[in-house]
Amino acid sequence: MEQHLTKIYSRFETLLSVRPDDIDMNQHVHSSRYQDYVLAARYDQMSRCYGMSMDEFVELGFGWFVNTSHIEYKRPLRIGEQFLVRTHVESFSRTGVRIGFEILREPGGKISCQGWCEYTLITLSTGRAVEIPPWIVERYSV
């Protein structure tokens, strides 16, 4: 991803719990749910940490499209466990952002999985990529 801004960005955390419907036949969280956890945390963090809820973002006609995700699984999560989803901006490109994440079992903070996702900014009216306005880069550059 082409970078046009490099800096160290803040890390934000969201505490979540494993739900019964997250469990697969091996009695641990199904691999597909980890990406759901990252999306839930980013939704929470948009409002709480960046000062702009996803609803406000949508009202302005913008959305994020996930083009790539990479997850490295280390330890399973099991029913009833709590975990932290820690995310941070890794870099910006002209039309996108790369978000790094870790999911940590609580208590103790052992890594369950880690990885990154690349999102492209789109206009909701067309579904096409759009250059990230400077005010969005500034808002996410905390």
N, C-alpha and C. Protein backbone atom coordinates (compact mmCIF):
# COMPACT_ATOMS: atom_id res chain seq x y z
N MET A 1 0.85 -1.17 0.00
CA MET A 1 0.00 0.00 0.00
C MET A 1 0.89 1.24 0.00
N GLU A 2 0.66 2.14 -0.93
CA GLU A 2 1.42 3.38 -1.02
C GLU A 2 1.17 4.24 0.21
N GLN A 3 2.22 4.63 0.89
CA GLN A 3 2.08 5.45 2.09
C GLN A 3 2.35 6.91 1.76
N HIS A 4 1.50 7.78 2.31
CA HIS A 4 1.78 9.20 2.16
C HIS A 4 1.87 9.89 3.50
N LEU A 5 1.73 9.14 4.57
CA LEU A 5 1.84 9.72 5.89
C LEU A 5 2.41 8.65 6.81
N THR A 6 3.53 8.93 7.45
CA THR A 6 4.09 7.96 8.38
C THR A 6 4.24 8.62 9.73
N LYS A 7 3.79 7.94 10.73
CA LYS A 7 3.85 8.42 12.09
C LYS A 7 3.46 7.28 13.01
N ILE A 8 3.65 7.44 14.29
CA ILE A 8 3.20 6.44 15.25
C ILE A 8 1.81 6.84 15.71
N TYR A 9 0.87 5.94 15.55
CA TYR A 9 -0.52 6.23 15.86
C TYR A 9 -0.92 5.57 17.18
N SER A 10 -1.95 6.14 17.79
CA SER A 10 -2.46 5.62 19.06
C SER A 10 -3.08 4.24 18.87
N ARG A 11 -3.00 3.45 19.93
CA ARG A 11 -3.65 2.14 19.97
C ARG A 11 -4.88 2.28 20.86
N PHE A 12 -5.99 1.71 20.39
CA PHE A 12 -7.23 1.77 21.14
C PHE A 12 -7.72 0.36 21.43
N GLU A 13 -8.43 0.20 22.55
CA GLU A 13 -8.88 -1.12 22.97
C GLU A 13 -10.38 -1.15 23.19
N THR A 14 -10.97 -2.28 22.84
CA THR A 14 -12.38 -2.54 23.09
C THR A 14 -12.48 -3.91 23.74
N LEU A 15 -13.19 -4.00 24.86
CA LEU A 15 -13.39 -5.26 25.57
C LEU A 15 -14.66 -5.92 25.08
N LEU A 16 -14.55 -7.18 24.66
CA LEU A 16 -15.69 -7.96 24.17
C LEU A 16 -15.70 -9.33 24.85
N SER A 17 -16.78 -10.07 24.67
CA SER A 17 -16.90 -11.43 25.22
C SER A 17 -17.32 -12.39 24.12
N VAL A 18 -16.85 -13.63 24.25
CA VAL A 18 -17.23 -14.68 23.31
C VAL A 18 -18.69 -15.07 23.58
N ARG A 19 -19.47 -15.09 22.52
CA ARG A 19 -20.88 -15.47 22.61
C ARG A 19 -21.04 -16.93 22.21
N PRO A 20 -22.11 -17.59 22.65
CA PRO A 20 -22.33 -18.99 22.28
C PRO A 20 -22.36 -19.23 20.77
N ASP A 21 -22.91 -18.28 20.01
CA ASP A 21 -22.99 -18.48 18.56
C ASP A 21 -21.66 -18.25 17.84
N ASP A 22 -20.61 -17.88 18.58
CA ASP A 22 -19.27 -17.73 18.00
C ASP A 22 -18.51 -19.06 17.95
N ILE A 23 -19.02 -20.07 18.63
CA ILE A 23 -18.30 -21.33 18.84
C ILE A 23 -18.53 -22.29 17.66
N ASP A 24 -17.45 -22.97 17.25
CA ASP A 24 -17.55 -23.95 16.17
C ASP A 24 -17.58 -25.36 16.74
N MET A 25 -17.53 -26.36 15.90
CA MET A 25 -17.62 -27.76 16.34
C MET A 25 -16.41 -28.20 17.16
N ASN A 26 -15.32 -27.43 17.14
CA ASN A 26 -14.14 -27.76 17.94
C ASN A 26 -14.18 -27.10 19.32
N GLN A 27 -15.31 -26.48 19.64
CA GLN A 27 -15.54 -25.84 20.94
C GLN A 27 -14.66 -24.62 21.20
N HIS A 28 -14.27 -23.94 20.13
CA HIS A 28 -13.61 -22.64 20.28
C HIS A 28 -14.15 -21.71 19.20
N VAL A 29 -13.76 -20.45 19.26
CA VAL A 29 -14.28 -19.45 18.33
C VAL A 29 -13.92 -19.81 16.90
N HIS A 30 -14.91 -19.76 16.02
CA HIS A 30 -14.69 -20.03 14.60
C HIS A 30 -13.82 -18.93 14.01
N SER A 31 -12.96 -19.29 13.09
CA SER A 31 -12.00 -18.34 12.52
C SER A 31 -12.66 -17.12 11.91
N SER A 32 -13.83 -17.26 11.35
CA SER A 32 -14.51 -16.12 10.71
C SER A 32 -14.93 -15.05 11.71
N ARG A 33 -15.10 -15.41 12.96
CA ARG A 33 -15.57 -14.46 13.97
C ARG A 33 -14.51 -13.44 14.37
N TYR A 34 -13.24 -13.78 14.21
CA TYR A 34 -12.19 -12.84 14.61
C TYR A 34 -12.26 -11.55 13.79
N GLN A 35 -12.56 -11.66 12.51
CA GLN A 35 -12.71 -10.46 11.70
C GLN A 35 -13.94 -9.67 12.16
N ASP A 36 -15.01 -10.37 12.55
CA ASP A 36 -16.19 -9.69 13.10
C ASP A 36 -15.81 -8.90 14.36
N TYR A 37 -14.95 -9.49 15.19
CA TYR A 37 -14.52 -8.80 16.42
C TYR A 37 -13.76 -7.52 16.09
N VAL A 38 -12.89 -7.58 15.08
CA VAL A 38 -12.14 -6.38 14.68
C VAL A 38 -13.10 -5.31 14.17
N LEU A 39 -14.07 -5.70 13.36
CA LEU A 39 -15.04 -4.73 12.85
C LEU A 39 -15.88 -4.13 13.97
N ALA A 40 -16.30 -4.95 14.93
CA ALA A 40 -17.07 -4.44 16.07
C ALA A 40 -16.25 -3.44 16.88
N ALA A 41 -14.97 -3.76 17.08
CA ALA A 41 -14.09 -2.85 17.83
C ALA A 41 -13.89 -1.55 17.08
N ARG A 42 -13.67 -1.61 15.78
CA ARG A 42 -13.48 -0.38 15.00
C ARG A 42 -14.75 0.47 15.01
N TYR A 43 -15.90 -0.16 14.96
CA TYR A 43 -17.17 0.56 15.03
C TYR A 43 -17.25 1.32 16.37
N ASP A 44 -16.94 0.64 17.46
CA ASP A 44 -16.91 1.26 18.79
C ASP A 44 -15.89 2.39 18.84
N GLN A 45 -14.71 2.14 18.32
CA GLN A 45 -13.61 3.10 18.43
C GLN A 45 -13.80 4.33 17.55
N MET A 46 -14.54 4.18 16.45
CA MET A 46 -14.79 5.36 15.60
C MET A 46 -15.45 6.46 16.42
N SER A 47 -16.43 6.10 17.22
CA SER A 47 -17.14 7.09 18.03
C SER A 47 -16.36 7.46 19.28
N ARG A 48 -15.96 6.47 20.04
CA ARG A 48 -15.36 6.69 21.35
C ARG A 48 -13.96 7.27 21.28
N CYS A 49 -13.17 6.87 20.30
CA CYS A 49 -11.75 7.25 20.27
C CYS A 49 -11.41 8.28 19.19
N TYR A 50 -12.11 8.23 18.07
CA TYR A 50 -11.82 9.16 16.97
C TYR A 50 -12.80 10.31 16.90
N GLY A 51 -13.87 10.25 17.71
CA GLY A 51 -14.82 11.36 17.77
C GLY A 51 -15.76 11.48 16.60
N MET A 52 -15.99 10.38 15.87
CA MET A 52 -16.95 10.40 14.77
C MET A 52 -17.54 9.00 14.63
N SER A 53 -18.82 8.89 14.95
CA SER A 53 -19.46 7.57 14.88
C SER A 53 -19.59 7.11 13.42
N MET A 54 -19.78 5.81 13.25
CA MET A 54 -19.98 5.27 11.91
C MET A 54 -21.25 5.86 11.30
N ASP A 55 -22.27 6.11 12.13
CA ASP A 55 -23.51 6.71 11.63
C ASP A 55 -23.23 8.09 11.02
N GLU A 56 -22.41 8.89 11.69
CA GLU A 56 -22.05 10.21 11.16
C GLU A 56 -21.28 10.08 9.86
N PHE A 57 -20.38 9.10 9.81
CA PHE A 57 -19.58 8.83 8.63
C PHE A 57 -20.49 8.51 7.44
N VAL A 58 -21.48 7.64 7.68
CA VAL A 58 -22.43 7.24 6.64
C VAL A 58 -23.28 8.44 6.20
N GLU A 59 -23.69 9.27 7.15
CA GLU A 59 -24.47 10.47 6.81
C GLU A 59 -23.71 11.38 5.85
N LEU A 60 -22.39 11.37 5.92
CA LEU A 60 -21.57 12.16 5.02
C LEU A 60 -21.36 11.47 3.66
N GLY A 61 -21.90 10.25 3.53
CA GLY A 61 -21.84 9.54 2.25
C GLY A 61 -20.62 8.67 2.07
N PHE A 62 -19.91 8.36 3.16
CA PHE A 62 -18.70 7.55 3.07
C PHE A 62 -18.87 6.17 3.71
N GLY A 63 -18.07 5.24 3.26
CA GLY A 63 -18.00 3.91 3.85
C GLY A 63 -16.61 3.35 3.66
N TRP A 64 -16.31 2.28 4.38
CA TRP A 64 -15.02 1.59 4.24
C TRP A 64 -15.27 0.21 3.65
N PHE A 65 -14.51 -0.14 2.64
CA PHE A 65 -14.58 -1.45 1.99
C PHE A 65 -13.31 -2.22 2.36
N VAL A 66 -13.48 -3.43 2.88
CA VAL A 66 -12.32 -4.26 3.24
C VAL A 66 -11.79 -4.91 1.97
N ASN A 67 -10.56 -4.55 1.54
CA ASN A 67 -10.00 -5.22 0.37
C ASN A 67 -9.09 -6.37 0.73
N THR A 68 -8.40 -6.29 1.86
CA THR A 68 -7.48 -7.36 2.24
C THR A 68 -7.49 -7.50 3.74
N SER A 69 -7.43 -8.74 4.19
CA SER A 69 -7.23 -8.96 5.63
C SER A 69 -6.28 -10.13 5.81
N HIS A 70 -5.50 -10.05 6.87
CA HIS A 70 -4.52 -11.07 7.18
C HIS A 70 -4.60 -11.34 8.68
N ILE A 71 -4.78 -12.61 9.05
CA ILE A 71 -4.89 -12.97 10.46
C ILE A 71 -3.95 -14.14 10.75
N GLU A 72 -3.17 -14.01 11.82
CA GLU A 72 -2.33 -15.09 12.33
C GLU A 72 -2.93 -15.55 13.65
N TYR A 73 -3.36 -16.81 13.69
CA TYR A 73 -3.99 -17.37 14.89
C TYR A 73 -2.92 -17.97 15.79
N LYS A 74 -3.00 -17.65 17.08
CA LYS A 74 -2.02 -18.12 18.06
C LYS A 74 -2.65 -19.06 19.09
N ARG A 75 -3.75 -18.61 19.71
CA ARG A 75 -4.43 -19.36 20.76
C ARG A 75 -5.93 -19.21 20.58
N PRO A 76 -6.70 -20.27 20.80
CA PRO A 76 -8.15 -20.15 20.63
C PRO A 76 -8.82 -19.39 21.77
N LEU A 77 -9.92 -18.76 21.44
CA LEU A 77 -10.82 -18.20 22.44
C LEU A 77 -11.95 -19.20 22.63
N ARG A 78 -12.47 -19.25 23.85
CA ARG A 78 -13.53 -20.21 24.17
C ARG A 78 -14.75 -19.49 24.74
N ILE A 79 -15.84 -20.20 24.77
CA ILE A 79 -17.11 -19.62 25.21
C ILE A 79 -16.98 -18.95 26.58
N GLY A 80 -17.55 -17.76 26.69
CA GLY A 80 -17.56 -17.03 27.94
C GLY A 80 -16.32 -16.21 28.23
N GLU A 81 -15.24 -16.41 27.47
CA GLU A 81 -14.02 -15.65 27.73
C GLU A 81 -14.18 -14.20 27.28
N GLN A 82 -13.51 -13.32 28.00
CA GLN A 82 -13.42 -11.92 27.59
C GLN A 82 -12.10 -11.72 26.86
N PHE A 83 -12.09 -10.72 25.99
CA PHE A 83 -10.88 -10.43 25.23
C PHE A 83 -10.86 -8.96 24.85
N LEU A 84 -9.66 -8.45 24.67
CA LEU A 84 -9.46 -7.09 24.19
C LEU A 84 -9.13 -7.13 22.71
N VAL A 85 -9.76 -6.23 21.97
CA VAL A 85 -9.37 -6.03 20.58
C VAL A 85 -8.62 -4.70 20.57
N ARG A 86 -7.33 -4.76 20.29
CA ARG A 86 -6.48 -3.57 20.24
C ARG A 86 -6.18 -3.26 18.78
N THR A 87 -6.50 -2.04 18.35
CA THR A 87 -6.28 -1.67 16.96
C THR A 87 -5.50 -0.36 16.87
N HIS A 88 -4.91 -0.15 15.72
CA HIS A 88 -4.20 1.10 15.45
C HIS A 88 -4.05 1.29 13.94
N VAL A 89 -3.99 2.54 13.53
CA VAL A 89 -3.68 2.86 12.14
C VAL A 89 -2.22 2.54 11.91
N GLU A 90 -1.92 1.78 10.87
CA GLU A 90 -0.52 1.53 10.50
C GLU A 90 -0.05 2.52 9.44
N SER A 91 -0.92 2.80 8.46
CA SER A 91 -0.53 3.72 7.39
C SER A 91 -1.75 4.15 6.60
N PHE A 92 -1.58 5.23 5.87
CA PHE A 92 -2.58 5.74 4.94
C PHE A 92 -2.02 5.65 3.53
N SER A 93 -2.91 5.46 2.57
CA SER A 93 -2.58 5.65 1.16
C SER A 93 -3.53 6.70 0.62
N ARG A 94 -3.50 6.93 -0.63
CA ARG A 94 -4.35 7.96 -1.23
C ARG A 94 -5.83 7.66 -0.99
N THR A 95 -6.23 6.39 -1.10
CA THR A 95 -7.64 6.03 -0.97
C THR A 95 -7.91 5.04 0.17
N GLY A 96 -6.90 4.71 0.96
CA GLY A 96 -7.13 3.69 1.97
C GLY A 96 -6.33 3.84 3.23
N VAL A 97 -6.60 2.92 4.13
CA VAL A 97 -5.92 2.89 5.42
C VAL A 97 -5.66 1.42 5.78
N ARG A 98 -4.51 1.20 6.40
CA ARG A 98 -4.17 -0.14 6.89
C ARG A 98 -4.25 -0.10 8.41
N ILE A 99 -5.06 -1.01 8.97
CA ILE A 99 -5.29 -1.10 10.40
C ILE A 99 -4.66 -2.38 10.93
N GLY A 100 -3.78 -2.23 11.92
CA GLY A 100 -3.21 -3.39 12.59
C GLY A 100 -4.07 -3.74 13.80
N PHE A 101 -4.08 -5.00 14.18
CA PHE A 101 -4.87 -5.40 15.34
C PHE A 101 -4.24 -6.58 16.07
N GLU A 102 -4.62 -6.69 17.33
CA GLU A 102 -4.32 -7.84 18.17
C GLU A 102 -5.58 -8.16 18.95
N ILE A 103 -5.85 -9.44 19.13
CA ILE A 103 -6.93 -9.86 20.01
C ILE A 103 -6.27 -10.61 21.16
N LEU A 104 -6.49 -10.10 22.39
CA LEU A 104 -5.80 -10.58 23.57
C LEU A 104 -6.79 -11.18 24.57
N ARG A 105 -6.52 -12.40 25.02
CA ARG A 105 -7.37 -13.02 26.03
C ARG A 105 -7.22 -12.29 27.35
N GLU A 106 -8.34 -12.14 28.05
CA GLU A 106 -8.34 -11.52 29.37
C GLU A 106 -8.88 -12.51 30.39
N PRO A 107 -8.38 -12.48 31.59
CA PRO A 107 -7.24 -11.67 32.01
C PRO A 107 -5.93 -12.28 31.49
N GLY A 108 -4.90 -11.53 31.58
CA GLY A 108 -3.58 -12.03 31.23
C GLY A 108 -2.97 -11.43 29.99
N GLY A 109 -3.78 -11.08 29.01
CA GLY A 109 -3.27 -10.41 27.83
C GLY A 109 -2.50 -11.27 26.85
N LYS A 110 -2.69 -12.61 26.88
CA LYS A 110 -2.01 -13.45 25.89
C LYS A 110 -2.67 -13.28 24.53
N ILE A 111 -1.83 -13.23 23.49
CA ILE A 111 -2.34 -13.00 22.14
C ILE A 111 -3.10 -14.22 21.64
N SER A 112 -4.34 -14.00 21.23
CA SER A 112 -5.14 -15.02 20.58
C SER A 112 -4.88 -15.00 19.07
N CYS A 113 -4.86 -13.78 18.51
CA CYS A 113 -4.51 -13.63 17.10
C CYS A 113 -4.06 -12.19 16.86
N GLN A 114 -3.43 -11.99 15.72
CA GLN A 114 -2.99 -10.65 15.33
C GLN A 114 -2.98 -10.58 13.82
N GLY A 115 -3.00 -9.35 13.32
CA GLY A 115 -2.99 -9.20 11.87
C GLY A 115 -3.23 -7.77 11.45
N TRP A 116 -3.76 -7.61 10.24
CA TRP A 116 -4.03 -6.30 9.70
C TRP A 116 -5.14 -6.40 8.66
N CYS A 117 -5.79 -5.27 8.43
CA CYS A 117 -6.81 -5.16 7.38
C CYS A 117 -6.53 -3.89 6.60
N GLU A 118 -6.75 -3.96 5.29
CA GLU A 118 -6.67 -2.77 4.45
C GLU A 118 -8.08 -2.41 4.01
N TYR A 119 -8.44 -1.16 4.26
CA TYR A 119 -9.76 -0.64 3.92
C TYR A 119 -9.61 0.45 2.87
N THR A 120 -10.54 0.48 1.92
CA THR A 120 -10.59 1.54 0.92
C THR A 120 -11.79 2.42 1.23
N LEU A 121 -11.59 3.74 1.19
CA LEU A 121 -12.69 4.68 1.38
C LEU A 121 -13.52 4.71 0.12
N ILE A 122 -14.84 4.56 0.27
CA ILE A 122 -15.74 4.61 -0.88
C ILE A 122 -16.82 5.65 -0.63
N THR A 123 -17.41 6.14 -1.72
CA THR A 123 -18.62 6.95 -1.59
C THR A 123 -19.78 5.96 -1.67
N LEU A 124 -20.73 6.09 -0.78
CA LEU A 124 -21.85 5.16 -0.74
C LEU A 124 -22.75 5.29 -1.95
N SER A 125 -22.80 6.47 -2.56
CA SER A 125 -23.67 6.68 -3.73
C SER A 125 -23.19 5.90 -4.95
N THR A 126 -21.87 5.71 -5.08
CA THR A 126 -21.33 5.02 -6.26
C THR A 126 -20.68 3.68 -5.92
N GLY A 127 -20.26 3.51 -4.66
CA GLY A 127 -19.53 2.31 -4.28
C GLY A 127 -18.10 2.31 -4.79
N ARG A 128 -17.64 3.42 -5.30
CA ARG A 128 -16.29 3.53 -5.86
C ARG A 128 -15.32 4.18 -4.87
N ALA A 129 -14.06 3.83 -5.04
CA ALA A 129 -13.01 4.40 -4.19
C ALA A 129 -12.93 5.90 -4.42
N VAL A 130 -12.58 6.60 -3.34
CA VAL A 130 -12.42 8.04 -3.39
C VAL A 130 -11.19 8.41 -2.57
N GLU A 131 -10.54 9.48 -2.97
CA GLU A 131 -9.37 9.95 -2.22
C GLU A 131 -9.81 10.35 -0.81
N ILE A 132 -9.01 9.98 0.18
CA ILE A 132 -9.35 10.31 1.57
C ILE A 132 -9.14 11.81 1.78
N PRO A 133 -10.21 12.52 2.18
CA PRO A 133 -10.06 13.96 2.44
C PRO A 133 -9.09 14.21 3.59
N PRO A 134 -8.37 15.32 3.55
CA PRO A 134 -7.39 15.63 4.61
C PRO A 134 -8.01 15.64 6.01
N TRP A 135 -9.26 16.08 6.14
CA TRP A 135 -9.87 16.13 7.48
C TRP A 135 -10.08 14.73 8.06
N ILE A 136 -10.29 13.71 7.21
CA ILE A 136 -10.41 12.33 7.71
C ILE A 136 -9.04 11.83 8.14
N VAL A 137 -8.02 12.08 7.34
CA VAL A 137 -6.65 11.70 7.73
C VAL A 137 -6.32 12.33 9.08
N GLU A 138 -6.64 13.60 9.23
CA GLU A 138 -6.35 14.31 10.49
C GLU A 138 -7.11 13.67 11.65
N ARG A 139 -8.38 13.35 11.46
CA ARG A 139 -9.22 12.77 12.51
C ARG A 139 -8.67 11.42 12.97
N TYR A 140 -8.14 10.63 12.02
CA TYR A 140 -7.62 9.29 12.33
C TYR A 140 -6.14 9.30 12.71
N SER A 141 -5.52 10.45 12.70
CA SER A 141 -4.08 10.54 12.96
C SER A 141 -3.77 10.89 14.41
N VAL A 142 -4.50 10.31 15.32
CA VAL A 142 -4.27 10.55 16.75
C VAL A 142 -3.35 9.49 17.33
